[in-house]
Amino acid sequence: MSFYERKMGWRTLKGAGRGGFLSVMGWITVVGLLVGVMALVVALSFASGFESALRDKIIGVNAHLLVLRYDGGIPSWRDVRETIAGLPGVEGTMPFTYNQGMMRSADGVAGTIVRGILPDEFPEISGMEIRFPCGGISASGAAEPGEGPREGPVWLGKVLAEELAVTCGDPVTLIALSDTPGEGGEARLRTYRVEGVFDVGMYEYDASLALLPLHAAQDFFGLAEEVTGIEIRLKDIRQTDLMESEIVRTLGYPFWVKNWREINPNFFSALKLQKVVMFLVLILIVLVGGFNIISTMIMSVIEKRREIAILKAMGSTGRSIARIFSLQGFVLGCIGTGLGLAGGYGVCLLAGRFPFIRLDPDVYYLSNLPVEVRAEEFVLVGTSALILTVLATLYPARQAAKLDPAEVLRYE
């Protein structure tokens, strides 16, 4: 673009002549685009914050990666754990067992998922502060391996504890059908003491999850030294796919890895679809700003018909005229998009510092709507807005380039 085209484009943008009418129209266009871009980035940032908060709650119980075997449990889990722990990017590991059972108290009975954990390592692997209305995760009071059956500790989800009408210190009985050949399907029973009641904040876990010390779970379910799998916490969750491939390559068959997305696939797919729909709906606001640019430039072409004819009569080409008006629309789009991104970022910072959107924690598991600013989303919105802006300039610029100077100046 030549200096002449830039100069004329800037003069057209300022709305020279007739009291600066086009200057006012230009700012109206900028404000429309600003509001659309700002609404889009703020909505996406709130959606990202909501997704991350729920993801952290899910990961808080399941870690980032789970290492499992196709043919069942992992008998030599200590060697596997040592191998995984030596990989770069791994922050921590913990073996676990996973079984189903029934929990019975004096006032109720409920189905439960029993997970065997290492109490001293669980808080570090979970990576989040799980609330405890009473008690807490601790290895104190647990029977040591080989000590024989005794009343040991168990940790229950808040809703599960309420259903059983128990609290810290109360006894509960764990029931499981025997799957060992020759035992005739007889039920196994053992009494444990409620050492703590935890509140993850998600009904799925709070209503069905019970935690036992690893050796207690192995002993009760007859697993000997075998574990179901190994939980892995990464230093950077964004490296999930890379580390998943690295672990599979290192361990080889029959091991396989399940990541945090695959643990609750329907949930995360729904959140992703929600963001896509939100983007498509709110981009319509930006599209309205694009139509404002079209109308402003059409008004500009009508306003400047005589000046365009004179320029073409003096030797300006149609392509040059088109560039002049394209520059006008592009500058309006850049100003509106830039101010919209800046305004959206400011709103996100304010919302992060002073949460003003309250939620019902019984429904959404969160007391307020969190916000998370992601650079890639800002880039996506800014790029989309500029593309729409450029497309909006094509028709008016083409109409300006097609003006016939003889027709316009015939009666001048």
Protein backbone atom coordinates (compact mmCIF):
# COMPACT_ATOMS: atom_id res chain seq x y z
CA MET A 1 0.00 0.00 0.00
CA SER A 2 1.45 3.33 -1.10
CA PHE A 3 1.80 6.49 0.96
CA TYR A 4 -0.93 8.11 -1.14
CA GLU A 5 -3.38 5.31 -0.34
CA ARG A 6 -2.57 5.43 3.37
CA LYS A 7 -2.96 9.21 3.43
CA MET A 8 -6.32 9.18 1.65
CA GLY A 9 -7.52 6.27 3.75
CA TRP A 10 -6.76 8.17 6.94
CA ARG A 11 -8.54 11.32 5.70
CA THR A 12 -11.58 9.24 4.77
CA LEU A 13 -11.53 7.61 8.21
CA LYS A 14 -11.56 11.00 9.95
CA GLY A 15 -14.69 11.92 8.01
CA ALA A 16 -13.40 15.14 6.58
CA GLY A 17 -16.18 17.43 5.42
CA ARG A 18 -19.80 17.80 6.47
CA GLY A 19 -19.02 18.29 10.13
CA GLY A 20 -17.19 15.02 10.67
CA PHE A 21 -20.35 12.89 10.30
CA LEU A 22 -18.42 9.77 9.40
CA SER A 23 -16.16 10.19 12.40
CA VAL A 24 -19.21 9.79 14.65
CA MET A 25 -20.39 6.76 12.67
CA GLY A 26 -16.92 5.30 12.90
CA TRP A 27 -16.90 5.49 16.68
CA ILE A 28 -20.35 3.91 16.87
CA THR A 29 -18.97 1.04 14.81
CA VAL A 30 -15.95 0.74 17.11
CA VAL A 31 -18.16 0.60 20.21
CA GLY A 32 -20.33 -2.14 18.67
CA LEU A 33 -17.28 -4.23 17.85
CA LEU A 34 -15.76 -3.51 21.28
CA VAL A 35 -18.85 -4.79 23.11
CA GLY A 36 -18.98 -7.95 21.00
CA VAL A 37 -15.32 -8.85 21.45
CA MET A 38 -15.38 -8.04 25.18
CA ALA A 39 -18.50 -10.16 25.76
CA LEU A 40 -16.93 -13.08 23.90
CA VAL A 41 -13.60 -13.12 25.76
CA VAL A 42 -15.27 -12.63 29.15
CA ALA A 43 -17.74 -15.47 28.53
CA LEU A 44 -14.99 -17.82 27.34
CA SER A 45 -12.82 -16.92 30.35
CA PHE A 46 -15.64 -17.70 32.77
CA ALA A 47 -16.32 -20.99 30.95
CA SER A 48 -12.61 -21.89 31.14
CA GLY A 49 -12.53 -21.07 34.85
CA PHE A 50 -15.58 -23.23 35.51
CA GLU A 51 -14.07 -26.10 33.51
CA SER A 52 -10.72 -25.87 35.32
CA ALA A 53 -12.34 -25.73 38.76
CA LEU A 54 -14.41 -28.86 38.13
CA ARG A 55 -11.44 -30.56 36.49
CA ASP A 56 -9.34 -29.92 39.60
CA LYS A 57 -12.03 -31.46 41.78
CA ILE A 58 -12.13 -34.60 39.63
CA ILE A 59 -8.35 -34.82 39.41
CA GLY A 60 -8.16 -34.28 43.17
CA VAL A 61 -9.47 -37.80 43.61
CA ASN A 62 -8.10 -39.52 40.50
CA ALA A 63 -4.72 -37.85 39.83
CA HIS A 64 -3.60 -37.00 36.28
CA LEU A 65 -2.79 -40.47 34.94
CA LEU A 66 -3.60 -44.03 35.97
CA VAL A 67 -1.30 -46.90 34.99
CA LEU A 68 -3.18 -50.19 34.62
CA ARG A 69 -2.69 -53.67 33.15
CA TYR A 70 -4.82 -55.31 30.48
CA ASP A 71 -4.69 -58.66 32.29
CA GLY A 72 -5.70 -57.44 35.77
CA GLY A 73 -3.80 -56.05 38.73
CA ILE A 74 -0.12 -55.17 39.11
CA PRO A 75 1.73 -57.64 41.38
CA SER A 76 5.25 -56.11 41.12
CA TRP A 77 4.02 -52.56 41.55
CA ARG A 78 7.08 -51.32 43.43
CA ASP A 79 9.35 -51.83 40.40
CA VAL A 80 6.80 -50.22 38.09
CA ARG A 81 6.39 -47.29 40.45
CA GLU A 82 10.15 -46.75 40.64
CA THR A 83 10.40 -46.75 36.84
CA ILE A 84 7.60 -44.20 36.48
CA ALA A 85 8.94 -41.96 39.25
CA GLY A 86 12.26 -41.67 37.35
CA LEU A 87 10.63 -40.10 34.30
CA PRO A 88 10.98 -36.33 33.85
CA GLY A 89 7.70 -34.49 34.35
CA VAL A 90 6.40 -36.88 37.04
CA GLU A 91 5.79 -35.15 40.36
CA GLY A 92 4.52 -38.10 42.39
CA THR A 93 3.10 -41.64 42.24
CA MET A 94 0.92 -43.78 44.49
CA PRO A 95 -0.40 -47.36 44.19
CA PHE A 96 -4.13 -47.91 44.70
CA THR A 97 -6.77 -50.61 44.74
CA TYR A 98 -10.32 -50.26 43.42
CA ASN A 99 -13.16 -52.55 44.49
CA GLN A 100 -16.90 -52.50 45.06
CA GLY A 101 -18.62 -53.36 48.31
CA MET A 102 -21.42 -52.55 50.72
CA MET A 103 -21.09 -50.39 53.80
CA ARG A 104 -23.39 -51.05 56.76
CA SER A 105 -23.94 -49.13 59.96
CA ALA A 106 -26.46 -49.40 62.79
CA ASP A 107 -28.81 -47.06 60.91
CA GLY A 108 -28.35 -47.84 57.24
CA VAL A 109 -26.66 -49.61 54.36
CA ALA A 110 -25.24 -48.26 51.10
CA GLY A 111 -23.24 -49.42 48.11
CA THR A 112 -19.71 -48.03 47.94
CA ILE A 113 -16.53 -47.89 45.91
CA VAL A 114 -13.59 -48.86 48.11
CA ARG A 115 -10.20 -47.44 47.21
CA GLY A 116 -7.04 -48.52 48.93
CA ILE A 117 -4.56 -45.66 49.36
CA LEU A 118 -1.36 -44.74 51.14
CA PRO A 119 -2.71 -42.22 53.69
CA ASP A 120 0.58 -40.33 54.07
CA GLU A 121 0.90 -39.82 50.30
CA PHE A 122 -2.71 -39.27 49.30
CA PRO A 123 -2.86 -35.51 50.07
CA GLU A 124 0.22 -34.89 47.90
CA ILE A 125 -1.08 -36.98 44.99
CA SER A 126 -4.56 -35.43 45.14
CA GLY A 127 -3.06 -31.96 44.69
CA MET A 128 -6.01 -30.24 46.32
CA GLU A 129 -7.24 -29.43 49.80
CA ILE A 130 -10.13 -31.81 50.43
CA ARG A 131 -12.40 -30.47 53.14
CA PHE A 132 -12.93 -32.62 56.23
CA PRO A 133 -16.03 -31.83 58.33
CA CYS A 134 -14.43 -34.12 60.88
CA GLY A 135 -11.18 -36.05 61.16
CA GLY A 136 -8.61 -36.14 58.37
CA ILE A 137 -6.38 -38.36 56.24
CA SER A 138 -3.77 -39.91 58.51
CA ALA A 139 -2.08 -43.28 58.92
CA SER A 140 -2.41 -43.12 62.70
CA GLY A 141 -4.37 -45.99 64.15
CA ALA A 142 -4.03 -48.18 61.08
CA ALA A 143 -2.99 -51.77 61.47
CA GLU A 144 0.42 -52.49 60.07
CA PRO A 145 0.89 -55.13 57.34
CA GLY A 146 0.95 -58.63 58.82
CA GLU A 147 -0.56 -57.47 62.12
CA GLY A 148 -3.76 -59.40 61.47
CA PRO A 149 -7.41 -58.27 61.40
CA ARG A 150 -8.35 -55.43 63.70
CA GLU A 151 -10.62 -52.44 63.67
CA GLY A 152 -8.75 -50.04 61.39
CA PRO A 153 -9.56 -46.63 59.94
CA VAL A 154 -11.81 -45.83 57.01
CA TRP A 155 -12.59 -42.46 55.42
CA LEU A 156 -16.06 -41.83 54.00
CA GLY A 157 -17.53 -39.27 51.64
CA LYS A 158 -19.79 -36.70 53.26
CA VAL A 159 -23.02 -37.84 51.58
CA LEU A 160 -22.19 -41.51 52.21
CA ALA A 161 -21.60 -40.78 55.91
CA GLU A 162 -24.92 -38.93 56.11
CA GLU A 163 -26.72 -41.85 54.46
CA LEU A 164 -25.20 -44.24 57.00
CA ALA A 165 -25.80 -41.74 59.82
CA VAL A 166 -22.22 -42.02 61.09
CA THR A 167 -19.48 -39.58 61.99
CA CYS A 168 -15.88 -39.74 63.15
CA GLY A 169 -15.28 -42.51 65.68
CA ASP A 170 -18.34 -44.57 64.72
CA PRO A 171 -17.95 -48.18 63.55
CA VAL A 172 -19.06 -49.33 60.09
CA THR A 173 -19.02 -52.79 58.55
CA LEU A 174 -17.64 -53.37 55.06
CA ILE A 175 -19.26 -56.23 53.15
CA ALA A 176 -18.02 -57.91 49.97
CA LEU A 177 -18.96 -61.17 48.23
CA SER A 178 -16.06 -63.56 47.97
CA ASP A 179 -14.83 -64.24 44.45
CA THR A 180 -12.37 -66.92 45.54
CA PRO A 181 -13.21 -70.39 44.13
CA GLY A 182 -14.46 -72.85 46.72
CA GLU A 183 -15.88 -70.29 49.11
CA GLY A 184 -19.38 -70.59 47.67
CA GLY A 185 -19.93 -66.88 47.25
CA GLU A 186 -19.96 -66.23 51.00
CA ALA A 187 -19.83 -62.61 52.08
CA ARG A 188 -16.78 -61.18 53.79
CA LEU A 189 -17.37 -58.74 56.62
CA ARG A 190 -15.04 -56.57 58.61
CA THR A 191 -15.59 -53.66 60.95
CA TYR A 192 -13.71 -50.38 60.56
CA ARG A 193 -13.69 -47.13 62.48
CA VAL A 194 -14.60 -43.88 60.70
CA GLU A 195 -11.38 -41.88 60.93
CA GLY A 196 -12.58 -38.98 58.81
CA VAL A 197 -15.42 -37.65 56.67
CA PHE A 198 -14.30 -35.81 53.52
CA ASP A 199 -16.09 -33.39 51.23
CA VAL A 200 -14.73 -33.34 47.66
CA GLY A 201 -17.56 -31.12 46.46
CA MET A 202 -18.82 -33.54 43.78
CA TYR A 203 -21.80 -35.72 44.57
CA GLU A 204 -20.49 -38.69 42.56
CA TYR A 205 -17.53 -39.08 44.94
CA ASP A 206 -19.06 -37.82 48.18
CA ALA A 207 -21.96 -40.30 47.90
CA SER A 208 -20.09 -43.49 47.02
CA LEU A 209 -16.40 -43.32 47.87
CA ALA A 210 -14.73 -44.94 50.87
CA LEU A 211 -10.96 -44.91 51.42
CA LEU A 212 -8.98 -47.63 53.19
CA PRO A 213 -5.25 -47.93 53.91
CA LEU A 214 -3.70 -49.86 51.03
CA HIS A 215 -2.66 -52.91 53.03
CA ALA A 216 -6.11 -53.09 54.70
CA ALA A 217 -7.84 -53.08 51.30
CA GLN A 218 -5.44 -55.73 49.97
CA ASP A 219 -6.07 -57.91 53.00
CA PHE A 220 -9.87 -57.55 52.94
CA PHE A 221 -10.27 -58.22 49.22
CA GLY A 222 -7.64 -60.98 49.15
CA LEU A 223 -5.25 -59.21 46.80
CA ALA A 224 -2.02 -60.21 48.59
CA GLU A 225 0.60 -57.72 47.30
CA GLU A 226 -1.31 -56.86 44.12
CA VAL A 227 -2.69 -53.39 43.38
CA THR A 228 -5.23 -52.25 40.79
CA GLY A 229 -2.97 -49.55 39.37
CA ILE A 230 -0.66 -46.63 40.03
CA GLU A 231 -1.77 -43.02 40.19
CA ILE A 232 0.53 -40.39 38.71
CA ARG A 233 0.60 -36.66 39.35
CA LEU A 234 2.41 -34.55 36.73
CA LYS A 235 4.34 -31.34 37.24
CA ASP A 236 2.43 -29.77 34.34
CA ILE A 237 -1.04 -31.00 33.43
CA ARG A 238 -0.60 -29.58 29.92
CA GLN A 239 1.94 -32.36 29.31
CA THR A 240 -0.69 -35.08 29.86
CA ASP A 241 -0.69 -36.43 26.30
CA LEU A 242 3.10 -36.32 26.02
CA MET A 243 3.65 -38.12 29.34
CA GLU A 244 0.95 -40.68 28.55
CA SER A 245 2.82 -41.67 25.38
CA GLU A 246 6.16 -41.69 27.20
CA ILE A 247 4.90 -43.98 29.98
CA VAL A 248 3.29 -46.40 27.52
CA ARG A 249 6.53 -46.52 25.54
CA THR A 250 8.62 -47.06 28.69
CA LEU A 251 6.48 -49.77 30.32
CA GLY A 252 5.24 -51.48 27.16
CA TYR A 253 2.62 -54.23 26.98
CA PRO A 254 0.54 -55.26 28.98
CA PHE A 255 0.45 -51.83 30.66
CA TRP A 256 -1.83 -49.04 29.49
CA VAL A 257 -2.53 -45.52 30.69
CA LYS A 258 -5.82 -43.75 31.38
CA ASN A 259 -5.73 -39.93 31.56
CA TRP A 260 -7.97 -37.58 33.51
CA ARG A 261 -10.14 -36.83 30.46
CA GLU A 262 -10.96 -40.52 29.97
CA ILE A 263 -11.99 -40.96 33.60
CA ASN A 264 -15.08 -38.75 33.04
CA PRO A 265 -15.35 -38.55 29.22
CA ASN A 266 -19.01 -37.50 29.02
CA PHE A 267 -18.53 -34.70 31.52
CA PHE A 268 -15.56 -33.11 29.76
CA SER A 269 -17.13 -33.60 26.32
CA ALA A 270 -20.21 -31.72 27.53
CA LEU A 271 -18.08 -28.85 28.82
CA LYS A 272 -16.18 -28.66 25.55
CA LEU A 273 -19.39 -28.66 23.51
CA GLN A 274 -20.77 -25.94 25.75
CA LYS A 275 -17.77 -23.70 25.02
CA VAL A 276 -18.05 -24.29 21.27
CA VAL A 277 -21.75 -23.39 21.27
CA MET A 278 -21.06 -20.34 23.42
CA PHE A 279 -18.38 -19.19 21.00
CA LEU A 280 -20.65 -19.63 17.99
CA VAL A 281 -23.50 -17.74 19.66
CA LEU A 282 -21.42 -14.84 20.93
CA ILE A 283 -19.46 -14.49 17.67
CA LEU A 284 -22.78 -13.28 16.26
CA ILE A 285 -22.34 -10.14 18.36
CA VAL A 286 -18.98 -9.59 16.68
CA LEU A 287 -20.70 -10.26 13.36
CA VAL A 288 -23.11 -7.41 14.14
CA GLY A 289 -20.05 -5.20 14.56
CA GLY A 290 -18.92 -6.36 11.13
CA PHE A 291 -22.24 -5.32 9.62
CA ASN A 292 -21.81 -1.95 11.31
CA ILE A 293 -18.51 -1.60 9.44
CA ILE A 294 -20.26 -2.45 6.17
CA SER A 295 -22.97 0.16 6.77
CA THR A 296 -20.41 2.78 7.83
CA MET A 297 -18.31 2.20 4.73
CA ILE A 298 -21.33 2.21 2.42
CA MET A 299 -22.29 5.55 3.94
CA SER A 300 -18.74 6.69 3.39
CA VAL A 301 -18.83 5.64 -0.27
CA ILE A 302 -22.13 7.50 -0.80
CA GLU A 303 -20.74 10.53 1.03
CA LYS A 304 -17.55 10.56 -0.99
CA ARG A 305 -18.92 9.74 -4.46
CA ARG A 306 -17.76 13.08 -5.88
CA GLU A 307 -14.28 12.84 -4.33
CA ILE A 308 -13.91 9.22 -5.58
CA ALA A 309 -14.89 10.30 -9.11
CA ILE A 310 -12.37 13.14 -9.06
CA LEU A 311 -9.59 10.79 -7.86
CA LYS A 312 -10.40 8.31 -10.64
CA ALA A 313 -10.53 11.12 -13.21
CA MET A 314 -7.06 12.21 -12.03
CA GLY A 315 -5.66 8.73 -12.63
CA SER A 316 -6.37 6.65 -9.51
CA THR A 317 -7.12 3.03 -10.32
CA GLY A 318 -10.07 1.07 -9.04
CA ARG A 319 -7.69 -1.13 -7.03
CA SER A 320 -6.22 1.93 -5.34
CA ILE A 321 -9.69 3.22 -4.40
CA ALA A 322 -10.57 -0.22 -3.00
CA ARG A 323 -7.44 -0.21 -0.84
CA ILE A 324 -8.29 3.23 0.54
CA PHE A 325 -11.70 2.07 1.80
CA SER A 326 -10.38 -1.32 2.92
CA LEU A 327 -7.87 0.53 5.10
CA GLN A 328 -10.72 2.50 6.67
CA GLY A 329 -12.61 -0.66 7.64
CA PHE A 330 -9.48 -2.47 8.80
CA VAL A 331 -8.46 0.40 11.12
CA LEU A 332 -11.97 0.53 12.62
CA GLY A 333 -11.80 -3.24 13.17
CA CYS A 334 -8.36 -3.07 14.80
CA ILE A 335 -9.44 -0.28 17.17
CA GLY A 336 -12.66 -2.07 18.16
CA THR A 337 -10.97 -5.45 18.56
CA GLY A 338 -8.03 -4.04 20.53
CA LEU A 339 -10.26 -2.09 22.92
CA GLY A 340 -12.56 -5.11 23.29
CA LEU A 341 -9.68 -7.43 24.21
CA ALA A 342 -8.29 -4.87 26.66
CA GLY A 343 -11.72 -4.29 28.21
CA GLY A 344 -12.38 -8.03 28.47
CA TYR A 345 -9.02 -8.59 30.15
CA GLY A 346 -9.80 -5.84 32.64
CA VAL A 347 -13.19 -7.37 33.48
CA CYS A 348 -11.55 -10.79 33.95
CA LEU A 349 -8.94 -9.35 36.31
CA LEU A 350 -11.67 -7.60 38.29
CA ALA A 351 -13.78 -10.78 38.44
CA GLY A 352 -10.76 -12.79 39.58
CA ARG A 353 -9.98 -10.33 42.36
CA PHE A 354 -13.57 -9.71 43.45
CA PRO A 355 -15.79 -12.73 42.58
CA PHE A 356 -19.22 -11.25 41.96
CA ILE A 357 -21.08 -14.18 40.35
CA ARG A 358 -22.30 -16.45 43.15
CA LEU A 359 -23.34 -20.07 42.59
CA ASP A 360 -25.28 -22.62 44.60
CA PRO A 361 -22.57 -25.03 45.81
CA ASP A 362 -25.15 -27.83 46.16
CA VAL A 363 -25.81 -27.64 42.41
CA TYR A 364 -22.53 -26.48 40.85
CA TYR A 365 -20.04 -27.68 43.52
CA LEU A 366 -18.62 -24.12 43.57
CA SER A 367 -19.56 -21.09 45.69
CA ASN A 368 -18.68 -18.58 42.95
CA LEU A 369 -17.95 -18.62 39.23
CA PRO A 370 -14.15 -18.61 38.75
CA VAL A 371 -12.42 -16.96 35.80
CA GLU A 372 -9.34 -18.14 33.92
CA VAL A 373 -7.63 -16.02 31.26
CA ARG A 374 -6.16 -18.12 28.44
CA ALA A 375 -3.95 -16.41 25.88
CA GLU A 376 -5.00 -18.78 23.10
CA GLU A 377 -8.66 -17.83 23.55
CA PHE A 378 -7.85 -14.13 23.32
CA VAL A 379 -5.83 -14.78 20.18
CA LEU A 380 -8.69 -16.82 18.69
CA VAL A 381 -11.26 -14.11 19.41
CA GLY A 382 -9.00 -11.32 18.14
CA THR A 383 -8.15 -13.20 14.95
CA SER A 384 -11.80 -14.09 14.30
CA ALA A 385 -12.87 -10.47 14.79
CA LEU A 386 -10.19 -9.16 12.41
CA ILE A 387 -11.09 -11.76 9.76
CA LEU A 388 -14.75 -10.71 9.95
CA THR A 389 -13.63 -7.09 9.72
CA VAL A 390 -11.58 -7.69 6.58
CA LEU A 391 -14.44 -9.60 4.98
CA ALA A 392 -16.82 -6.75 5.87
CA THR A 393 -14.68 -4.27 3.90
CA LEU A 394 -14.74 -6.21 0.63
CA TYR A 395 -18.20 -5.28 -0.67
CA PRO A 396 -18.11 -1.51 0.08
CA ALA A 397 -14.54 -1.23 -1.25
CA ARG A 398 -15.54 -3.03 -4.42
CA GLN A 399 -18.53 -0.73 -4.91
CA ALA A 400 -16.27 2.30 -4.49
CA ALA A 401 -13.83 0.91 -7.04
CA LYS A 402 -16.63 0.35 -9.58
CA LEU A 403 -17.89 3.97 -9.54
CA ASP A 404 -17.93 5.54 -13.00
CA PRO A 405 -16.50 9.09 -12.76
CA ALA A 406 -18.38 10.20 -15.89
CA GLU A 407 -21.74 9.25 -14.37
CA VAL A 408 -20.96 10.93 -11.05
CA LEU A 409 -19.55 14.19 -12.49
CA ARG A 410 -22.01 14.54 -15.39
CA TYR A 411 -24.15 17.15 -13.65
CA GLU A 412 -21.39 18.79 -11.57
